[in-house]
C-alpha atoms as a PDB file:
ATOM      1  CA  MET A   1       1.402 -25.666  -7.907  1.00  0.00           C
ATOM      2  CA  ILE A   2      -1.259 -26.191 -10.579  1.00  0.00           C
ATOM      3  CA  SER A   3      -3.759 -23.407 -11.131  1.00  0.00           C
ATOM      4  CA  THR A   4      -6.992 -23.943  -9.183  1.00  0.00           C
ATOM      5  CA  VAL A   5      -8.989 -21.125 -10.783  1.00  0.00           C
ATOM      6  CA  SER A   6     -12.645 -21.987 -11.134  1.00  0.00           C
ATOM      7  CA  ARG A   7     -14.422 -20.405 -14.094  1.00  0.00           C
ATOM      8  CA  THR A   8     -17.652 -18.480 -14.215  1.00  0.00           C
ATOM      9  CA  THR A   9     -19.279 -16.323 -16.879  1.00  0.00           C
ATOM     10  CA  LEU A  10     -20.807 -12.902 -16.280  1.00  0.00           C
ATOM     11  CA  PRO A  11     -23.376 -11.387 -18.651  1.00  0.00           C
ATOM     12  CA  ALA A  12     -22.528  -7.964 -20.046  1.00  0.00           C
ATOM     13  CA  ALA A  13     -25.022  -6.057 -17.895  1.00  0.00           C
ATOM     14  CA  GLU A  14     -23.589  -7.599 -14.716  1.00  0.00           C
ATOM     15  CA  TRP A  15     -19.911  -6.953 -15.380  1.00  0.00           C
ATOM     16  CA  ARG A  16     -20.580  -3.441 -16.695  1.00  0.00           C
ATOM     17  CA  ALA A  17     -22.382  -2.617 -13.445  1.00  0.00           C
ATOM     18  CA  ALA A  18     -19.411  -3.957 -11.446  1.00  0.00           C
ATOM     19  CA  ARG A  19     -16.995  -1.958 -13.597  1.00  0.00           C
ATOM     20  CA  ASP A  20     -18.991   1.256 -13.182  1.00  0.00           C
ATOM     21  CA  ALA A  21     -19.339   0.748  -9.419  1.00  0.00           C
ATOM     22  CA  HIS A  22     -15.579   0.321  -9.201  1.00  0.00           C
ATOM     23  CA  ALA A  23     -15.034   3.525 -11.197  1.00  0.00           C
ATOM     24  CA  ASP A  24     -17.290   5.418  -8.792  1.00  0.00           C
ATOM     25  CA  ARG A  25     -15.511   3.930  -5.779  1.00  0.00           C
ATOM     26  CA  VAL A  26     -12.118   4.962  -7.111  1.00  0.00           C
ATOM     27  CA  ALA A  27     -13.299   8.433  -8.142  1.00  0.00           C
ATOM     28  CA  ALA A  28     -14.412   9.131  -4.584  1.00  0.00           C
ATOM     29  CA  ARG A  29     -10.845   8.409  -3.468  1.00  0.00           C
ATOM     30  CA  THR A  30      -8.875  10.078  -6.245  1.00  0.00           C
ATOM     31  CA  ASP A  31     -10.811  13.039  -7.669  1.00  0.00           C
ATOM     32  CA  ALA A  32      -9.436  15.487  -5.091  1.00  0.00           C
ATOM     33  CA  HIS A  33      -5.865  14.404  -5.820  1.00  0.00           C
ATOM     34  CA  VAL A  34      -6.373  14.716  -9.582  1.00  0.00           C
ATOM     35  CA  ALA A  35      -7.890  18.195  -9.167  1.00  0.00           C
ATOM     36  CA  ARG A  36      -4.962  19.322  -6.995  1.00  0.00           C
ATOM     37  CA  ARG A  37      -2.480  17.985  -9.510  1.00  0.00           C
ATOM     38  CA  MET A  38      -4.190  19.949 -12.288  1.00  0.00           C
ATOM     39  CA  ARG A  39      -3.882  23.096 -10.158  1.00  0.00           C
ATOM     40  CA  GLY A  40      -0.268  22.391  -9.237  1.00  0.00           C
ATOM     41  CA  GLU A  41      -1.125  22.008  -5.556  1.00  0.00           C
ATOM     42  CA  LYS A  42       0.222  19.475  -3.066  1.00  0.00           C
ATOM     43  CA  HIS A  43      -1.279  17.760  -0.023  1.00  0.00           C
ATOM     44  CA  PRO A  44       1.136  16.382   2.603  1.00  0.00           C
ATOM     45  CA  VAL A  45      -1.050  13.367   3.452  1.00  0.00           C
ATOM     46  CA  GLU A  46      -3.422  12.445   0.641  1.00  0.00           C
ATOM     47  CA  ASP A  47      -1.001  12.736  -2.284  1.00  0.00           C
ATOM     48  CA  PHE A  48       1.477  10.276  -0.782  1.00  0.00           C
ATOM     49  CA  LEU A  49       0.060   7.078  -2.300  1.00  0.00           C
ATOM     50  CA  PHE A  50       0.308   8.634  -5.772  1.00  0.00           C
ATOM     51  CA  THR A  51       3.866   9.937  -5.380  1.00  0.00           C
ATOM     52  CA  TYR A  52       5.534   7.270  -3.243  1.00  0.00           C
ATOM     53  CA  TYR A  53       4.078   4.403  -5.308  1.00  0.00           C
ATOM     54  CA  PRO A  54       4.372   4.357  -9.121  1.00  0.00           C
ATOM     55  CA  PHE A  55       0.643   4.072  -9.814  1.00  0.00           C
ATOM     56  CA  LYS A  56      -1.655   6.737 -11.186  1.00  0.00           C
ATOM     57  CA  ALA A  57      -5.315   7.225 -10.389  1.00  0.00           C
ATOM     58  CA  GLY A  58      -6.216   5.934 -13.843  1.00  0.00           C
ATOM     59  CA  GLN A  59      -4.454   2.647 -13.188  1.00  0.00           C
ATOM     60  CA  LEU A  60      -6.370   2.168  -9.956  1.00  0.00           C
ATOM     61  CA  ALA A  61      -9.624   2.930 -11.808  1.00  0.00           C
ATOM     62  CA  ARG A  62      -9.082   0.127 -14.333  1.00  0.00           C
ATOM     63  CA  TRP A  63     -11.433  -2.693 -13.380  1.00  0.00           C
ATOM     64  CA  ASN A  64     -10.315  -6.311 -13.166  1.00  0.00           C
ATOM     65  CA  PRO A  65     -12.671  -9.134 -12.147  1.00  0.00           C
ATOM     66  CA  GLY A  66      -9.860 -11.533 -11.260  1.00  0.00           C
ATOM     67  CA  PRO A  67      -8.804 -14.764 -12.983  1.00  0.00           C
ATOM     68  CA  GLY A  68     -11.356 -17.336 -14.058  1.00  0.00           C
ATOM     69  CA  VAL A  69     -14.124 -14.810 -14.719  1.00  0.00           C
ATOM     70  CA  ARG A  70     -15.293 -14.804 -18.329  1.00  0.00           C
ATOM     71  CA  LEU A  71     -17.039 -11.644 -19.446  1.00  0.00           C
ATOM     72  CA  ARG A  72     -19.719 -11.756 -22.120  1.00  0.00           C
ATOM     73  CA  LEU A  73     -19.071  -9.093 -24.786  1.00  0.00           C
ATOM     74  CA  GLU A  74     -22.012  -7.632 -26.695  1.00  0.00           C
ATOM     75  CA  THR A  75     -20.623  -4.505 -28.362  1.00  0.00           C
ATOM     76  CA  PRO A  76     -17.346  -3.262 -29.852  1.00  0.00           C
ATOM     77  CA  ALA A  77     -17.039  -0.949 -26.833  1.00  0.00           C
ATOM     78  CA  ASP A  78     -17.194  -3.990 -24.575  1.00  0.00           C
ATOM     79  CA  ALA A  79     -14.296  -5.576 -26.440  1.00  0.00           C
ATOM     80  CA  GLU A  80     -12.278  -2.345 -26.289  1.00  0.00           C
ATOM     81  CA  CYS A  81     -12.439  -2.462 -22.486  1.00  0.00           C
ATOM     82  CA  PHE A  82     -10.277  -5.585 -22.504  1.00  0.00           C
ATOM     83  CA  ASP A  83      -7.992  -4.801 -25.418  1.00  0.00           C
ATOM     84  CA  ARG A  84      -5.068  -4.713 -23.005  1.00  0.00           C
ATOM     85  CA  ARG A  85      -2.217  -6.729 -21.662  1.00  0.00           C
ATOM     86  CA  TRP A  86      -2.938 -10.074 -19.977  1.00  0.00           C
ATOM     87  CA  TYR A  87      -6.438 -10.409 -21.374  1.00  0.00           C
ATOM     88  CA  THR A  88      -7.665 -12.683 -24.100  1.00  0.00           C
ATOM     89  CA  VAL A  89     -10.800 -12.134 -26.177  1.00  0.00           C
ATOM     90  CA  GLU A  90     -12.257 -15.115 -27.987  1.00  0.00           C
ATOM     91  CA  ASP A  91     -15.727 -16.162 -29.132  1.00  0.00           C
ATOM     92  CA  GLY A  92     -17.331 -13.117 -27.575  1.00  0.00           C
ATOM     93  CA  LEU A  93     -15.762 -13.672 -24.170  1.00  0.00           C
ATOM     94  CA  ALA A  94     -12.948 -11.820 -22.402  1.00  0.00           C
ATOM     95  CA  GLU A  95     -10.919 -13.151 -19.471  1.00  0.00           C
ATOM     96  CA  VAL A  96      -7.538 -12.834 -17.795  1.00  0.00           C
ATOM     97  CA  ASP A  97      -4.841 -14.709 -19.712  1.00  0.00           C
ATOM     98  CA  VAL A  98      -3.278 -16.467 -16.739  1.00  0.00           C
ATOM     99  CA  ALA A  99      -0.656 -18.292 -18.825  1.00  0.00           C
ATOM    100  CA  ALA A 100       0.628 -15.065 -20.383  1.00  0.00           C
ATOM    101  CA  TRP A 101       0.660 -13.311 -17.009  1.00  0.00           C
ATOM    102  CA  ARG A 102       2.564 -16.170 -15.376  1.00  0.00           C
ATOM    103  CA  SER A 103       5.113 -16.111 -18.208  1.00  0.00           C
ATOM    104  CA  ASP A 104       5.674 -12.366 -17.798  1.00  0.00           C
ATOM    105  CA  ARG A 105       5.296 -11.878 -14.062  1.00  0.00           C
ATOM    106  CA  GLY A 106       5.567 -15.288 -12.441  1.00  0.00           C
ATOM    107  CA  ASP A 107       9.036 -14.862 -10.956  1.00  0.00           C
ATOM    108  CA  GLY A 108       8.234 -11.497  -9.416  1.00  0.00           C
ATOM    109  CA  ALA A 109       4.927 -12.853  -8.115  1.00  0.00           C
ATOM    110  CA  LYS A 110       6.773 -15.670  -6.330  1.00  0.00           C
ATOM    111  CA  PHE A 111       8.813 -13.093  -4.434  1.00  0.00           C
ATOM    112  CA  ILE A 112       5.640 -11.211  -3.502  1.00  0.00           C
ATOM    113  CA  ALA A 113       4.042 -14.450  -2.308  1.00  0.00           C
ATOM    114  CA  SER A 114       7.119 -15.272  -0.218  1.00  0.00           C
ATOM    115  CA  LEU A 115       7.083 -11.832   1.387  1.00  0.00           C
ATOM    116  CA  LEU A 116       3.357 -12.002   2.127  1.00  0.00           C
ATOM    117  CA  LYS A 117       3.545 -15.516   3.570  1.00  0.00           C
ATOM    118  CA  SER A 118       6.588 -14.885   5.755  1.00  0.00           C
ATOM    119  CA  THR A 119       5.060 -11.666   7.115  1.00  0.00           C
ATOM    120  CA  LEU A 120       1.704 -13.337   7.701  1.00  0.00           C
ATOM    121  CA  HIS A 121       3.228 -15.990   9.970  1.00  0.00           C
ATOM    122  CA  ARG A 122       5.688 -13.786  11.848  1.00  0.00           C
ATOM    123  CA  GLU A 123       5.044 -12.349  15.315  1.00  0.00           C
ATOM    124  CA  ALA A 124       3.947  -8.710  15.250  1.00  0.00           C
ATOM    125  CA  ASN A 125       6.017  -6.000  16.916  1.00  0.00           C
ATOM    126  CA  PHE A 126       3.996  -3.040  18.194  1.00  0.00           C
ATOM    127  CA  GLY A 127       6.782  -1.145  19.923  1.00  0.00           C
ATOM    128  CA  CYS A 128       8.128   1.135  17.193  1.00  0.00           C
ATOM    129  CA  PHE A 129       5.732   4.070  17.904  1.00  0.00           C
ATOM    130  CA  GLY A 130       6.334   5.560  14.466  1.00  0.00           C
ATOM    131  CA  ILE A 131       9.790   6.914  15.296  1.00  0.00           C
ATOM    132  CA  HIS A 132      10.787   6.327  11.669  1.00  0.00           C
ATOM    133  CA  GLU A 133       9.096   9.612  10.658  1.00  0.00           C
ATOM    134  CA  TRP A 134      11.069  11.458  13.326  1.00  0.00           C
ATOM    135  CA  ALA A 135      14.288   9.836  12.167  1.00  0.00           C
ATOM    136  CA  MET A 136      13.601  11.202   8.680  1.00  0.00           C
ATOM    137  CA  VAL A 137      13.905  14.795   9.962  1.00  0.00           C
ATOM    138  CA  TYR A 138      16.595  14.217  12.597  1.00  0.00           C
ATOM    139  CA  ARG A 139      19.059  17.140  12.606  1.00  0.00           C
ATOM    140  CA  LEU A 140      17.672  18.593   9.371  1.00  0.00           C
ATOM    141  CA  SER A 141      17.139  22.279   8.795  1.00  0.00           C
ATOM    142  CA  GLU A 142      13.700  23.559   7.823  1.00  0.00           C
ATOM    143  CA  GLU A 143      14.794  23.884   4.198  1.00  0.00           C
ATOM    144  CA  GLU A 144      16.001  20.279   4.094  1.00  0.00           C
ATOM    145  CA  ARG A 145      12.791  18.682   5.387  1.00  0.00           C
ATOM    146  CA  ARG A 146      10.617  16.781   2.922  1.00  0.00           C
ATOM    147  CA  HIS A 147       7.406  18.595   3.953  1.00  0.00           C
ATOM    148  CA  SER A 148       8.896  22.047   4.324  1.00  0.00           C
ATOM    149  CA  GLN A 149       5.430  23.629   3.981  1.00  0.00           C
ATOM    150  CA  VAL A 150       4.277  21.877   7.191  1.00  0.00           C
ATOM    151  CA  PRO A 151       5.567  23.115  10.578  1.00  0.00           C
ATOM    152  CA  LEU A 152       6.949  20.828  13.261  1.00  0.00           C
ATOM    153  CA  ARG A 153       4.931  20.326  16.442  1.00  0.00           C
ATOM    154  CA  LEU A 154       8.037  20.724  18.597  1.00  0.00           C
ATOM    155  CA  SER A 155      11.171  22.792  18.245  1.00  0.00           C
ATOM    156  CA  PRO A 156      14.030  21.250  16.221  1.00  0.00           C
ATOM    157  CA  ALA A 157      15.944  20.546  19.420  1.00  0.00           C
ATOM    158  CA  GLU A 158      12.920  18.880  21.045  1.00  0.00           C
ATOM    159  CA  THR A 159      12.278  16.875  17.894  1.00  0.00           C
ATOM    160  CA  ASP A 160      15.859  15.589  17.871  1.00  0.00           C
ATOM    161  CA  ALA A 161      15.559  14.748  21.569  1.00  0.00           C
ATOM    162  CA  VAL A 162      12.571  12.460  20.826  1.00  0.00           C
ATOM    163  CA  VAL A 163      14.735  10.485  18.414  1.00  0.00           C
ATOM    164  CA  GLU A 164      17.613  10.300  20.855  1.00  0.00           C
ATOM    165  CA  GLY A 165      15.339   9.290  23.725  1.00  0.00           C
ATOM    166  CA  HIS A 166      13.806   6.239  22.071  1.00  0.00           C
ATOM    167  CA  ARG A 167      14.995   2.806  21.060  1.00  0.00           C
ATOM    168  CA  ILE A 168      14.543   2.848  17.290  1.00  0.00           C
ATOM    169  CA  GLN A 169      13.760  -0.542  15.778  1.00  0.00           C
ATOM    170  CA  CYS A 170      12.547   0.046  12.230  1.00  0.00           C
ATOM    171  CA  SER A 171      12.471  -3.199  10.233  1.00  0.00           C
ATOM    172  CA  HIS A 172      11.223  -1.795   6.914  1.00  0.00           C
ATOM    173  CA  HIS A 173      13.849  -1.055   4.281  1.00  0.00           C
ATOM    174  CA  ASP A 174      11.851   1.573   2.387  1.00  0.00           C
ATOM    175  CA  ALA A 175      11.255   3.529   5.592  1.00  0.00           C
ATOM    176  CA  PHE A 176      14.811   3.113   6.847  1.00  0.00           C
ATOM    177  CA  ARG A 177      16.355   4.368   3.599  1.00  0.00           C
ATOM    178  CA  PHE A 178      14.830   7.804   4.253  1.00  0.00           C
ATOM    179  CA  PHE A 179      16.471   8.149   7.671  1.00  0.00           C
ATOM    180  CA  THR A 180      18.889  11.041   7.831  1.00  0.00           C
ATOM    181  CA  PRO A 181      22.575   9.973   7.931  1.00  0.00           C
ATOM    182  CA  PRO A 182      22.990  10.721  11.666  1.00  0.00           C
ATOM    183  CA  ALA A 183      19.798   8.763  12.454  1.00  0.00           C
ATOM    184  CA  ARG A 184      20.811   5.584  10.644  1.00  0.00           C
ATOM    185  CA  PRO A 185      23.289   4.310  13.268  1.00  0.00           C
ATOM    186  CA  LEU A 186      20.625   4.799  15.964  1.00  0.00           C
ATOM    187  CA  ASN A 187      18.413   2.073  14.486  1.00  0.00           C
ATOM    188  CA  THR A 188      18.822  -1.344  16.137  1.00  0.00           C
ATOM    189  CA  LEU A 189      18.476  -2.938  12.679  1.00  0.00           C
ATOM    190  CA  GLN A 190      20.035  -2.060   9.358  1.00  0.00           C
ATOM    191  CA  PRO A 191      17.361  -3.452   7.004  1.00  0.00           C
ATOM    192  CA  ALA A 192      18.309  -3.925   3.369  1.00  0.00           C
ATOM    193  CA  ARG A 193      16.096  -4.647   0.383  1.00  0.00           C
ATOM    194  CA  ALA A 194      17.598  -8.125   0.054  1.00  0.00           C
ATOM    195  CA  ASP A 195      16.458  -8.918   3.602  1.00  0.00           C
ATOM    196  CA  MET A 196      12.787  -7.965   3.202  1.00  0.00           C
ATOM    197  CA  VAL A 197      11.460 -11.522   3.415  1.00  0.00           C
ATOM    198  CA  ALA A 198      13.483 -12.108   6.586  1.00  0.00           C
ATOM    199  CA  ASN A 199      12.699  -8.765   8.250  1.00  0.00           C
ATOM    200  CA  GLU A 200       9.140  -7.633   7.544  1.00  0.00           C
ATOM    201  CA  GLN A 201       6.635  -8.166  10.336  1.00  0.00           C
ATOM    202  CA  PRO A 202       2.858  -7.699  10.514  1.00  0.00           C
ATOM    203  CA  GLY A 203       2.898  -4.874  13.059  1.00  0.00           C
ATOM    204  CA  CYS A 204       4.826  -2.586  10.697  1.00  0.00           C
ATOM    205  CA  LEU A 205       2.701   0.233   9.306  1.00  0.00           C
ATOM    206  CA  HIS A 206       4.760   0.455   6.129  1.00  0.00           C
ATOM    207  CA  ALA A 207       4.432  -3.284   5.493  1.00  0.00           C
ATOM    208  CA  GLY A 208       0.658  -2.863   5.739  1.00  0.00           C
ATOM    209  CA  MET A 209       0.740   0.169   3.472  1.00  0.00           C
ATOM    210  CA  ASP A 210       2.752  -1.773   0.898  1.00  0.00           C
ATOM    211  CA  LEU A 211      -0.077  -4.266   0.404  1.00  0.00           C
ATOM    212  CA  TYR A 212      -1.499  -1.710  -2.020  1.00  0.00           C
ATOM    213  CA  LYS A 213       1.762  -1.880  -3.979  1.00  0.00           C
ATOM    214  CA  TRP A 214       1.745  -5.672  -4.108  1.00  0.00           C
ATOM    215  CA  ALA A 215      -1.922  -5.768  -5.146  1.00  0.00           C
ATOM    216  CA  MET A 216      -1.195  -3.401  -8.033  1.00  0.00           C
ATOM    217  CA  LYS A 217       1.959  -5.255  -9.043  1.00  0.00           C
ATOM    218  CA  ILE A 218       0.163  -8.570  -9.510  1.00  0.00           C
ATOM    219  CA  GLY A 219      -2.155  -6.755 -11.888  1.00  0.00           C
ATOM    220  CA  PRO A 220      -5.324  -8.524 -13.027  1.00  0.00           C
ATOM    221  CA  ILE A 221      -4.781 -11.458 -10.654  1.00  0.00           C
ATOM    222  CA  ALA A 222      -6.007  -9.349  -7.723  1.00  0.00           C
ATOM    223  CA  PRO A 223      -9.692  -8.483  -8.210  1.00  0.00           C
ATOM    224  CA  SER A 224     -10.332  -4.757  -8.124  1.00  0.00           C
ATOM    225  CA  ASP A 225     -12.339  -4.872  -4.902  1.00  0.00           C
ATOM    226  CA  LEU A 226      -9.283  -6.340  -3.167  1.00  0.00           C
ATOM    227  CA  VAL A 227      -7.019  -3.675  -4.675  1.00  0.00           C
ATOM    228  CA  VAL A 228      -9.233  -0.849  -3.408  1.00  0.00           C
ATOM    229  CA  ASP A 229      -9.442  -2.468   0.030  1.00  0.00           C
ATOM    230  CA  CYS A 230      -5.625  -2.412   0.085  1.00  0.00           C
ATOM    231  CA  PHE A 231      -5.660   1.232  -1.039  1.00  0.00           C
ATOM    232  CA  ASP A 232      -8.069   2.129   1.769  1.00  0.00           C
ATOM    233  CA  LEU A 233      -5.846   0.488   4.369  1.00  0.00           C
ATOM    234  CA  ALA A 234      -2.804   2.282   2.970  1.00  0.00           C
ATOM    235  CA  MET A 235      -4.548   5.660   3.184  1.00  0.00           C
ATOM    236  CA  ASP A 236      -5.737   5.036   6.729  1.00  0.00           C
ATOM    237  CA  ILE A 237      -2.213   4.017   7.732  1.00  0.00           C
ATOM    238  CA  ARG A 238      -0.809   7.107   6.053  1.00  0.00           C
ATOM    239  CA  ILE A 239      -3.031   9.277   8.225  1.00  0.00           C
ATOM    240  CA  LEU A 240      -1.763   7.671  11.433  1.00  0.00           C
ATOM    241  CA  ASP A 241       1.798   7.803  10.114  1.00  0.00           C
ATOM    242  CA  MET A 242       1.543  11.569   9.732  1.00  0.00           C
ATOM    243  CA  GLU A 243      -0.544  12.265  12.836  1.00  0.00           C
ATOM    244  CA  ALA A 244       2.154  10.486  14.863  1.00  0.00           C
ATOM    245  CA  SER A 245       4.962  12.242  13.012  1.00  0.00           C
ATOM    246  CA  PRO A 246       6.817  15.379  14.152  1.00  0.00           C
ATOM    247  CA  TYR A 247       4.729  17.454  11.716  1.00  0.00           C
ATOM    248  CA  ASP A 248       1.784  19.567  12.852  1.00  0.00           C
ATOM    249  CA  LEU A 249      -1.070  18.817  10.448  1.00  0.00           C
ATOM    250  CA  ARG A 250      -3.915  20.360  12.419  1.00  0.00           C
ATOM    251  CA  ALA A 251      -4.270  23.098   9.791  1.00  0.00           C
ATOM    252  CA  TRP A 252      -5.104  20.310   7.301  1.00  0.00           C
ATOM    253  CA  GLY A 253      -7.800  18.894   9.589  1.00  0.00           C
ATOM    254  CA  TYR A 254      -5.821  16.048  11.150  1.00  0.00           C
ATOM    255  CA  GLY A 255      -5.257  15.180  14.785  1.00  0.00           C
ATOM    256  CA  VAL A 256      -2.116  14.667  16.838  1.00  0.00           C
ATOM    257  CA  VAL A 257      -0.829  11.371  18.209  1.00  0.00           C
ATOM    258  CA  ALA A 258       1.884  12.626  20.548  1.00  0.00           C
ATOM    259  CA  ILE A 259       4.080   9.542  20.673  1.00  0.00           C
ATOM    260  CA  GLU A 260       6.521  11.394  22.915  1.00  0.00           C
ATOM    261  CA  THR A 261       3.922  10.925  25.692  1.00  0.00           C
ATOM    262  CA  ALA A 262       2.528   7.782  27.364  1.00  0.00           C
ATOM    263  CA  ALA A 263      -1.017   8.571  26.174  1.00  0.00           C
ATOM    264  CA  GLY A 264       0.197   9.056  22.614  1.00  0.00           C
ATOM    265  CA  LYS A 265       2.071   5.781  22.668  1.00  0.00           C
ATOM    266  CA  ALA A 266      -1.037   3.951  23.886  1.00  0.00           C
ATOM    267  CA  GLU A 267      -3.187   5.467  21.123  1.00  0.00           C
ATOM    268  CA  TYR A 268      -0.579   4.683  18.504  1.00  0.00           C
ATOM    269  CA  MET A 269      -0.329   1.059  19.580  1.00  0.00           C
ATOM    270  CA  ASP A 270      -4.116   0.583  19.651  1.00  0.00           C
ATOM    271  CA  ARG A 271      -4.496   1.916  16.117  1.00  0.00           C
ATOM    272  CA  GLN A 272      -1.431   0.005  14.936  1.00  0.00           C
ATOM    273  CA  LYS A 273      -2.915  -3.270  16.202  1.00  0.00           C
ATOM    274  CA  ALA A 274      -6.193  -2.612  14.388  1.00  0.00           C
ATOM    275  CA  PHE A 275      -4.332  -1.897  11.144  1.00  0.00           C
ATOM    276  CA  SER A 276      -2.253  -5.035  11.595  1.00  0.00           C
ATOM    277  CA  GLY A 277      -5.422  -7.117  11.832  1.00  0.00           C
ATOM    278  CA  ARG A 278      -6.781  -5.584   8.627  1.00  0.00           C
ATOM    279  CA  ALA A 279      -3.434  -6.117   6.908  1.00  0.00           C
ATOM    280  CA  GLN A 280      -3.302  -9.785   7.881  1.00  0.00           C
ATOM    281  CA  SER A 281      -6.733 -10.349   6.349  1.00  0.00           C
ATOM    282  CA  LEU A 282      -5.645  -8.655   3.131  1.00  0.00           C
ATOM    283  CA  ARG A 283      -2.429 -10.703   3.030  1.00  0.00           C
ATOM    284  CA  ARG A 284      -4.502 -13.865   3.132  1.00  0.00           C
ATOM    285  CA  ARG A 285      -6.695 -12.636   0.281  1.00  0.00           C
ATOM    286  CA  LEU A 286      -3.671 -11.699  -1.831  1.00  0.00           C
ATOM    287  CA  LEU A 287      -2.062 -15.078  -1.172  1.00  0.00           C
ATOM    288  CA  GLU A 288      -5.302 -16.844  -2.092  1.00  0.00           C
ATOM    289  CA  ALA A 289      -5.405 -14.930  -5.379  1.00  0.00           C
ATOM    290  CA  LEU A 290      -1.801 -15.902  -6.155  1.00  0.00           C
ATOM    291  CA  GLU A 291      -2.272 -19.510  -5.111  1.00  0.00           C
ATOM    292  CA  SER A 292      -5.363 -19.775  -7.328  1.00  0.00           C
ATOM    293  CA  VAL A 293      -3.139 -19.228 -10.395  1.00  0.00           C
ATOM    294  CA  GLY A 294      -0.411 -21.585  -9.219  1.00  0.00           C
ATOM    295  CA  ILE A 295       2.021 -19.135  -7.629  1.00  0.00           C
ATOM    296  CA  ASP A 296       3.936 -20.726  -4.772  1.00  0.00           C
ATOM    297  CA  PRO A 297       6.235 -18.636  -2.538  1.00  0.00           C
ATOM    298  CA  ALA A 298       9.810 -18.629  -3.874  1.00  0.00           C
END
């Protein structure tokens, strides 16, 4: 596909205001994490997006207008802002170097586009009830659990019984790979990384959370407002993921979605459906960004 990027030029005052607004938006979401990291403290919910995904707060704070937007440069400091990979500066204007980005990242972007498109058009499954988090602690001792500083809501025996009493149907490889060895055979699927395009479905919380990863991986092609929207969805999903988990996070100010009960299952499914709708909208926006620079699904 040929690039369909339309070009516009922003005066310096306009793009600086957009850059500063983005910095403020990101700071509101990351300052607490950065402060905890400086103190050597951990948070079982809010730190996840910075430890599970390989992106630092500073990377999220870096503003990108998206392809086709030329930025008028008036000062040396303006030019320094875009003295970075996949930007070109010429005749007092900076913009994303789409050709260089496609040369470096085009193949990987085609995979991302294929994954997004296949997930977008697949039927959603809302019957998993977040059992993946329970399968990650199945038959583990307290010392072996990932969040050993957080107590379980139920006894170890009751927690294991929840796993054994449900049909587990996790389709997401990066969730499944954290299942404990005795939990793995209980899953109706055995998802592998090579099967992601064939397996991922729009009801999956982890697939929705991963939109933040894909937005960051396509770099300056995704405008920063889209990236932060993906981050916000990922954080909201993370909260449900942990509230519906076997961990008791009430001491951290979170609620409980008791998926071992009928009421908990109903709440989980309602929130899951809302997140799926948000994720589908973001998938479309990410695909539009990729298609605008000529990236077709592989």
